[in-house]
Amino acid sequence: MAMPVYSAPDHRYASGYITPPWNSWINCSAEMIFDMTSAEVPDIYTSETHMTLLERCV
């Protein structure tokens, strides 16, 4: 919700925000992975997008 409401992907508008810091997608190589552990705990992290996928999506 941060991007559509505040035009900033890293705006912390609520306490307990569990996502890692996030910069604008200017780099064109970062993505946020939303996963869950086997203990059903949220596992959210940033990762670098593989170049082959980026080339295919452009």
PDB file of N, CA and C in Angstrom:
ATOM      1  N   MET A   1       0.803  -1.202   0.000  1.00  0.00           N
ATOM      2  CA  MET A   1       0.000   0.000   0.000  1.00  0.00           C
ATOM      3  C   MET A   1       0.846   1.266   0.000  1.00  0.00           C
ATOM      4  N   ALA A   2       2.100   1.175   0.398  1.00  0.00           N
ATOM      5  CA  ALA A   2       2.921   2.377   0.482  1.00  0.00           C
ATOM      6  C   ALA A   2       3.058   3.074  -0.867  1.00  0.00           C
ATOM      7  N   MET A   3       3.260   2.312  -1.924  1.00  0.00           N
ATOM      8  CA  MET A   3       3.473   2.926  -3.241  1.00  0.00           C
ATOM      9  C   MET A   3       2.238   3.675  -3.737  1.00  0.00           C
ATOM     10  N   PRO A   4       1.050   3.064  -3.764  1.00  0.00           N
ATOM     11  CA  PRO A   4      -0.093   3.826  -4.272  1.00  0.00           C
ATOM     12  C   PRO A   4      -0.529   4.974  -3.368  1.00  0.00           C
ATOM     13  N   VAL A   5      -0.338   4.833  -2.068  1.00  0.00           N
ATOM     14  CA  VAL A   5      -0.799   5.867  -1.147  1.00  0.00           C
ATOM     15  C   VAL A   5       0.204   7.006  -1.022  1.00  0.00           C
ATOM     16  N   TYR A   6       1.506   6.671  -0.889  1.00  0.00           N
ATOM     17  CA  TYR A   6       2.527   7.678  -0.604  1.00  0.00           C
ATOM     18  C   TYR A   6       3.513   7.906  -1.747  1.00  0.00           C
ATOM     19  N   SER A   7       3.390   7.169  -2.846  1.00  0.00           N
ATOM     20  CA  SER A   7       4.328   7.242  -3.973  1.00  0.00           C
ATOM     21  C   SER A   7       5.763   6.970  -3.544  1.00  0.00           C
ATOM     22  N   ALA A   8       5.915   6.135  -2.542  1.00  0.00           N
ATOM     23  CA  ALA A   8       7.236   5.759  -2.035  1.00  0.00           C
ATOM     24  C   ALA A   8       7.171   4.306  -1.572  1.00  0.00           C
ATOM     25  N   PRO A   9       7.935   3.411  -2.189  1.00  0.00           N
ATOM     26  CA  PRO A   9       7.833   1.996  -1.856  1.00  0.00           C
ATOM     27  C   PRO A   9       8.314   1.642  -0.448  1.00  0.00           C
ATOM     28  N   ASP A  10       9.097   2.498   0.174  1.00  0.00           N
ATOM     29  CA  ASP A  10       9.657   2.181   1.486  1.00  0.00           C
ATOM     30  C   ASP A  10       9.036   3.004   2.613  1.00  0.00           C
ATOM     31  N   HIS A  11       7.901   3.649   2.372  1.00  0.00           N
ATOM     32  CA  HIS A  11       7.257   4.457   3.409  1.00  0.00           C
ATOM     33  C   HIS A  11       6.661   3.538   4.473  1.00  0.00           C
ATOM     34  N   ARG A  12       7.072   3.728   5.738  1.00  0.00           N
ATOM     35  CA  ARG A  12       6.575   2.902   6.848  1.00  0.00           C
ATOM     36  C   ARG A  12       5.369   3.586   7.466  1.00  0.00           C
ATOM     37  N   TYR A  13       4.198   3.170   7.096  1.00  0.00           N
ATOM     38  CA  TYR A  13       2.980   3.825   7.556  1.00  0.00           C
ATOM     39  C   TYR A  13       2.288   3.080   8.694  1.00  0.00           C
ATOM     40  N   ALA A  14       2.799   1.916   9.087  1.00  0.00           N
ATOM     41  CA  ALA A  14       2.182   1.158  10.178  1.00  0.00           C
ATOM     42  C   ALA A  14       3.268   0.515  11.027  1.00  0.00           C
ATOM     43  N   SER A  15       3.039   0.430  12.311  1.00  0.00           N
ATOM     44  CA  SER A  15       4.007  -0.248  13.184  1.00  0.00           C
ATOM     45  C   SER A  15       3.947  -1.747  12.911  1.00  0.00           C
ATOM     46  N   GLY A  16       5.038  -2.418  13.154  1.00  0.00           N
ATOM     47  CA  GLY A  16       5.087  -3.852  12.917  1.00  0.00           C
ATOM     48  C   GLY A  16       5.277  -4.234  11.462  1.00  0.00           C
ATOM     49  N   TYR A  17       5.698  -3.295  10.640  1.00  0.00           N
ATOM     50  CA  TYR A  17       5.941  -3.541   9.219  1.00  0.00           C
ATOM     51  C   TYR A  17       7.040  -4.586   9.085  1.00  0.00           C
ATOM     52  N   ILE A  18       6.811  -5.705   8.431  1.00  0.00           N
ATOM     53  CA  ILE A  18       7.785  -6.807   8.428  1.00  0.00           C
ATOM     54  C   ILE A  18       8.611  -6.909   7.153  1.00  0.00           C
ATOM     55  N   THR A  19       8.347  -6.087   6.165  1.00  0.00           N
ATOM     56  CA  THR A  19       9.144  -6.165   4.938  1.00  0.00           C
ATOM     57  C   THR A  19      10.468  -5.430   5.099  1.00  0.00           C
ATOM     58  N   PRO A  20      11.511  -5.901   4.421  1.00  0.00           N
ATOM     59  CA  PRO A  20      12.805  -5.227   4.492  1.00  0.00           C
ATOM     60  C   PRO A  20      12.756  -3.882   3.769  1.00  0.00           C
ATOM     61  N   PRO A  21      13.767  -3.027   3.992  1.00  0.00           N
ATOM     62  CA  PRO A  21      13.818  -1.745   3.275  1.00  0.00           C
ATOM     63  C   PRO A  21      13.773  -1.990   1.765  1.00  0.00           C
ATOM     64  N   TRP A  22      13.130  -1.082   1.047  1.00  0.00           N
ATOM     65  CA  TRP A  22      12.908  -1.270  -0.382  1.00  0.00           C
ATOM     66  C   TRP A  22      13.103   0.044  -1.106  1.00  0.00           C
ATOM     67  N   ASN A  23      14.018   0.076  -2.040  1.00  0.00           N
ATOM     68  CA  ASN A  23      14.249   1.269  -2.847  1.00  0.00           C
ATOM     69  C   ASN A  23      13.387   1.215  -4.106  1.00  0.00           C
ATOM     70  N   SER A  24      13.305   2.330  -4.794  1.00  0.00           N
ATOM     71  CA  SER A  24      12.589   2.350  -6.070  1.00  0.00           C
ATOM     72  C   SER A  24      13.211   1.338  -7.021  1.00  0.00           C
ATOM     73  N   TRP A  25      12.437   0.914  -7.987  1.00  0.00           N
ATOM     74  CA  TRP A  25      12.887  -0.133  -8.897  1.00  0.00           C
ATOM     75  C   TRP A  25      13.733   0.421 -10.036  1.00  0.00           C
ATOM     76  N   ILE A  26      14.517   1.439  -9.745  1.00  0.00           N
ATOM     77  CA  ILE A  26      15.385   2.057 -10.752  1.00  0.00           C
ATOM     78  C   ILE A  26      16.484   1.080 -11.180  1.00  0.00           C
ATOM     79  N   ASN A  27      16.977   0.275 -10.236  1.00  0.00           N
ATOM     80  CA  ASN A  27      18.057  -0.669 -10.533  1.00  0.00           C
ATOM     81  C   ASN A  27      17.618  -1.724 -11.544  1.00  0.00           C
ATOM     82  N   CYS A  28      16.331  -2.018 -11.573  1.00  0.00           N
ATOM     83  CA  CYS A  28      15.758  -3.042 -12.458  1.00  0.00           C
ATOM     84  C   CYS A  28      16.287  -4.435 -12.180  1.00  0.00           C
ATOM     85  N   SER A  29      16.790  -4.682 -10.993  1.00  0.00           N
ATOM     86  CA  SER A  29      17.288  -6.029 -10.718  1.00  0.00           C
ATOM     87  C   SER A  29      16.920  -6.527  -9.328  1.00  0.00           C
ATOM     88  N   ALA A  30      16.075  -5.822  -8.630  1.00  0.00           N
ATOM     89  CA  ALA A  30      15.705  -6.260  -7.282  1.00  0.00           C
ATOM     90  C   ALA A  30      14.243  -6.672  -7.249  1.00  0.00           C
ATOM     91  N   GLU A  31      13.964  -7.704  -6.476  1.00  0.00           N
ATOM     92  CA  GLU A  31      12.585  -8.123  -6.275  1.00  0.00           C
ATOM     93  C   GLU A  31      12.403  -8.510  -4.811  1.00  0.00           C
ATOM     94  N   MET A  32      11.199  -8.436  -4.331  1.00  0.00           N
ATOM     95  CA  MET A  32      10.911  -8.823  -2.966  1.00  0.00           C
ATOM     96  C   MET A  32      10.231 -10.186  -3.002  1.00  0.00           C
ATOM     97  N   ILE A  33      10.761 -11.116  -2.227  1.00  0.00           N
ATOM     98  CA  ILE A  33      10.251 -12.478  -2.179  1.00  0.00           C
ATOM     99  C   ILE A  33       9.386 -12.632  -0.926  1.00  0.00           C
ATOM    100  N   PHE A  34       8.149 -13.058  -1.119  1.00  0.00           N
ATOM    101  CA  PHE A  34       7.227 -13.308  -0.016  1.00  0.00           C
ATOM    102  C   PHE A  34       7.081 -14.822   0.113  1.00  0.00           C
ATOM    103  N   ASP A  35       7.537 -15.353   1.234  1.00  0.00           N
ATOM    104  CA  ASP A  35       7.521 -16.796   1.435  1.00  0.00           C
ATOM    105  C   ASP A  35       7.076 -17.087   2.858  1.00  0.00           C
ATOM    106  N   MET A  36       7.009 -18.377   3.200  1.00  0.00           N
ATOM    107  CA  MET A  36       6.649 -18.779   4.550  1.00  0.00           C
ATOM    108  C   MET A  36       7.502 -19.993   4.902  1.00  0.00           C
ATOM    109  N   THR A  37       7.991 -20.026   6.140  1.00  0.00           N
ATOM    110  CA  THR A  37       8.800 -21.154   6.584  1.00  0.00           C
ATOM    111  C   THR A  37       7.899 -22.352   6.867  1.00  0.00           C
ATOM    112  N   SER A  38       8.511 -23.510   7.129  1.00  0.00           N
ATOM    113  CA  SER A  38       7.729 -24.703   7.462  1.00  0.00           C
ATOM    114  C   SER A  38       6.987 -24.525   8.783  1.00  0.00           C
ATOM    115  N   ALA A  39       7.454 -23.596   9.626  1.00  0.00           N
ATOM    116  CA  ALA A  39       6.777 -23.286  10.884  1.00  0.00           C
ATOM    117  C   ALA A  39       5.690 -22.229  10.685  1.00  0.00           C
ATOM    118  N   GLU A  40       5.404 -21.915   9.427  1.00  0.00           N
ATOM    119  CA  GLU A  40       4.388 -20.933   9.042  1.00  0.00           C
ATOM    120  C   GLU A  40       4.674 -19.516   9.546  1.00  0.00           C
ATOM    121  N   VAL A  41       5.963 -19.169   9.549  1.00  0.00           N
ATOM    122  CA  VAL A  41       6.412 -17.823   9.900  1.00  0.00           C
ATOM    123  C   VAL A  41       6.727 -17.099   8.601  1.00  0.00           C
ATOM    124  N   PRO A  42       6.286 -15.855   8.445  1.00  0.00           N
ATOM    125  CA  PRO A  42       6.596 -15.125   7.207  1.00  0.00           C
ATOM    126  C   PRO A  42       8.109 -15.016   6.987  1.00  0.00           C
ATOM    127  N   ASP A  43       8.529 -15.240   5.771  1.00  0.00           N
ATOM    128  CA  ASP A  43       9.933 -15.123   5.373  1.00  0.00           C
ATOM    129  C   ASP A  43       9.967 -14.183   4.177  1.00  0.00           C
ATOM    130  N   ILE A  44      10.239 -12.921   4.432  1.00  0.00           N
ATOM    131  CA  ILE A  44      10.207 -11.888   3.396  1.00  0.00           C
ATOM    132  C   ILE A  44      11.608 -11.304   3.253  1.00  0.00           C
ATOM    133  N   TYR A  45      12.120 -11.296   2.026  1.00  0.00           N
ATOM    134  CA  TYR A  45      13.477 -10.799   1.800  1.00  0.00           C
ATOM    135  C   TYR A  45      13.593 -10.263   0.379  1.00  0.00           C
ATOM    136  N   THR A  46      14.644  -9.498   0.150  1.00  0.00           N
ATOM    137  CA  THR A  46      14.902  -9.003  -1.200  1.00  0.00           C
ATOM    138  C   THR A  46      15.915  -9.926  -1.880  1.00  0.00           C
ATOM    139  N   SER A  47      15.827  -9.978  -3.179  1.00  0.00           N
ATOM    140  CA  SER A  47      16.703 -10.826  -3.967  1.00  0.00           C
ATOM    141  C   SER A  47      16.984 -10.125  -5.287  1.00  0.00           C
ATOM    142  N   GLU A  48      18.075 -10.497  -5.917  1.00  0.00           N
ATOM    143  CA  GLU A  48      18.386  -9.913  -7.218  1.00  0.00           C
ATOM    144  C   GLU A  48      17.761 -10.772  -8.310  1.00  0.00           C
ATOM    145  N   THR A  49      17.072 -10.136  -9.227  1.00  0.00           N
ATOM    146  CA  THR A  49      16.419 -10.844 -10.322  1.00  0.00           C
ATOM    147  C   THR A  49      17.460 -11.303 -11.336  1.00  0.00           C
ATOM    148  N   HIS A  50      17.337 -12.528 -11.797  1.00  0.00           N
ATOM    149  CA  HIS A  50      18.271 -13.086 -12.764  1.00  0.00           C
ATOM    150  C   HIS A  50      18.167 -12.311 -14.086  1.00  0.00           C
ATOM    151  N   MET A  51      19.298 -12.009 -14.699  1.00  0.00           N
ATOM    152  CA  MET A  51      19.341 -11.215 -15.926  1.00  0.00           C
ATOM    153  C   MET A  51      18.521 -11.829 -17.059  1.00  0.00           C
ATOM    154  N   THR A  52      18.507 -13.149 -17.165  1.00  0.00           N
ATOM    155  CA  THR A  52      17.749 -13.789 -18.222  1.00  0.00           C
ATOM    156  C   THR A  52      16.269 -13.487 -18.109  1.00  0.00           C
ATOM    157  N   LEU A  53      15.753 -13.485 -16.895  1.00  0.00           N
ATOM    158  CA  LEU A  53      14.347 -13.155 -16.673  1.00  0.00           C
ATOM    159  C   LEU A  53      14.084 -11.694 -17.011  1.00  0.00           C
ATOM    160  N   LEU A  54      14.984 -10.811 -16.617  1.00  0.00           N
ATOM    161  CA  LEU A  54      14.815  -9.395 -16.934  1.00  0.00           C
ATOM    162  C   LEU A  54      14.781  -9.157 -18.442  1.00  0.00           C
ATOM    163  N   GLU A  55      15.661  -9.822 -19.172  1.00  0.00           N
ATOM    164  CA  GLU A  55      15.702  -9.665 -20.632  1.00  0.00           C
ATOM    165  C   GLU A  55      14.412 -10.166 -21.266  1.00  0.00           C
ATOM    166  N   ARG A  56      13.860 -11.238 -20.727  1.00  0.00           N
ATOM    167  CA  ARG A  56      12.628 -11.801 -21.258  1.00  0.00           C
ATOM    168  C   ARG A  56      11.413 -10.901 -20.984  1.00  0.00           C
ATOM    169  N   CYS A  57      11.461 -10.158 -19.884  1.00  0.00           N
ATOM    170  CA  CYS A  57      10.324  -9.340 -19.488  1.00  0.00           C
ATOM    171  C   CYS A  57      10.337  -7.933 -20.081  1.00  0.00           C
ATOM    172  N   VAL A  58      11.427  -7.543 -20.675  1.00  0.00           N
ATOM    173  CA  VAL A  58      11.522  -6.179 -21.214  1.00  0.00           C
ATOM    174  C   VAL A  58      10.881  -6.054 -22.516  1.00  0.00           C
TER     175      VAL A  58
END
